[in-house]
Amino acid sequence: MQQMWYVYFLEFSNGDIYVGSTPDLKRRFESHKKGQVQSTKANFPLKLRSDVAVETETRARELEKHFTVGGVLDNVGEQLC
């Protein structure tokens, strides 16, 4: 059985949304909460707002890129609240 990948959305205390992807959502979110991820450690507290499971890393990376390019991320933040 193929391992699932996850595209996830974190909300920072200032309302900004961070998009990431990982094969292990629980471990990755714990890393974010512990301040072990360089790109998010200065933005506490943070909340996991949503996630999407996909079948491949390639698809996860495509979706992550889609949500972070061209201003789409701003619209996602409004829809997640």
Protein backbone atom coordinates (compact mmCIF):
# COMPACT_ATOMS: atom_id res chain seq x y z
CA MET A 1 0.00 0.00 0.00
CA GLN A 2 1.29 3.42 -0.99
CA GLN A 3 1.92 6.01 1.73
CA MET A 4 -0.46 8.98 1.69
CA TRP A 5 0.85 12.53 1.59
CA TYR A 6 -0.82 15.55 3.19
CA VAL A 7 -1.10 19.19 2.21
CA TYR A 8 -1.79 21.16 5.37
CA PHE A 9 -2.73 24.71 6.32
CA LEU A 10 -1.49 26.37 9.51
CA GLU A 11 -2.87 29.64 10.81
CA PHE A 12 -0.50 31.93 12.69
CA SER A 13 -1.52 34.18 15.56
CA ASN A 14 -1.53 37.16 13.16
CA GLY A 15 -3.99 35.39 10.81
CA ASP A 16 -1.47 34.50 8.10
CA ILE A 17 -1.74 31.04 6.57
CA TYR A 18 1.21 28.69 5.97
CA VAL A 19 0.92 25.80 3.52
CA GLY A 20 3.12 22.72 3.72
CA SER A 21 3.20 19.07 2.69
CA THR A 22 4.39 15.93 4.43
CA PRO A 23 3.93 12.17 4.55
CA ASP A 24 3.57 12.29 8.36
CA LEU A 25 1.16 15.04 9.37
CA LYS A 26 1.20 14.32 13.11
CA ARG A 27 5.00 14.40 13.33
CA ARG A 28 5.28 17.51 11.15
CA PHE A 29 2.66 19.45 13.12
CA GLU A 30 4.43 18.55 16.37
CA SER A 31 7.67 19.89 14.87
CA HIS A 32 5.91 23.16 14.03
CA LYS A 33 4.43 23.43 17.54
CA LYS A 34 7.85 22.84 19.14
CA GLY A 35 9.46 25.60 17.05
CA GLN A 36 11.67 23.16 15.15
CA VAL A 37 10.66 24.40 11.68
CA GLN A 38 12.66 27.44 10.57
CA SER A 39 9.90 28.92 8.41
CA THR A 40 7.26 28.96 11.16
CA LYS A 41 9.07 29.14 14.50
CA ALA A 42 8.66 32.91 14.89
CA ASN A 43 4.88 32.82 14.44
CA PHE A 44 3.37 31.34 17.59
CA PRO A 45 0.84 30.28 18.50
CA LEU A 46 -0.31 28.39 15.44
CA LYS A 47 -3.27 26.16 14.64
CA LEU A 48 -3.77 23.39 12.14
CA ARG A 49 -6.73 24.72 10.16
CA SER A 50 -7.14 22.02 7.51
CA ASP A 51 -5.43 19.21 5.64
CA VAL A 52 -5.93 17.24 2.43
CA ALA A 53 -4.73 13.67 1.89
CA VAL A 54 -3.40 12.79 -1.57
CA GLU A 55 -1.86 9.64 -3.00
CA THR A 56 1.58 10.90 -4.09
CA GLU A 57 4.31 13.31 -3.07
CA THR A 58 4.18 14.80 -6.56
CA ARG A 59 0.49 15.69 -6.18
CA ALA A 60 1.08 17.08 -2.68
CA ARG A 61 3.87 19.35 -3.96
CA GLU A 62 1.71 20.49 -6.88
CA LEU A 63 -1.13 21.44 -4.54
CA GLU A 64 1.23 23.15 -2.09
CA LYS A 65 2.63 25.22 -4.96
CA HIS A 66 -0.87 26.01 -6.24
CA PHE A 67 -1.96 27.40 -2.88
CA THR A 68 1.16 29.53 -2.40
CA VAL A 69 1.52 31.10 -5.87
CA GLY A 70 -0.43 33.97 -7.36
CA GLY A 71 -2.25 35.21 -4.28
CA VAL A 72 -4.38 32.09 -3.94
CA LEU A 73 -3.20 31.72 -0.34
CA ASP A 74 -5.02 34.90 0.70
CA ASN A 75 -8.31 33.49 -0.53
CA VAL A 76 -7.71 30.16 1.23
CA GLY A 77 -7.22 31.97 4.54
CA GLU A 78 -10.60 33.64 4.22
CA GLN A 79 -12.30 30.35 3.33
CA LEU A 80 -10.74 28.42 6.25
CA CYS A 81 -12.01 30.85 8.90
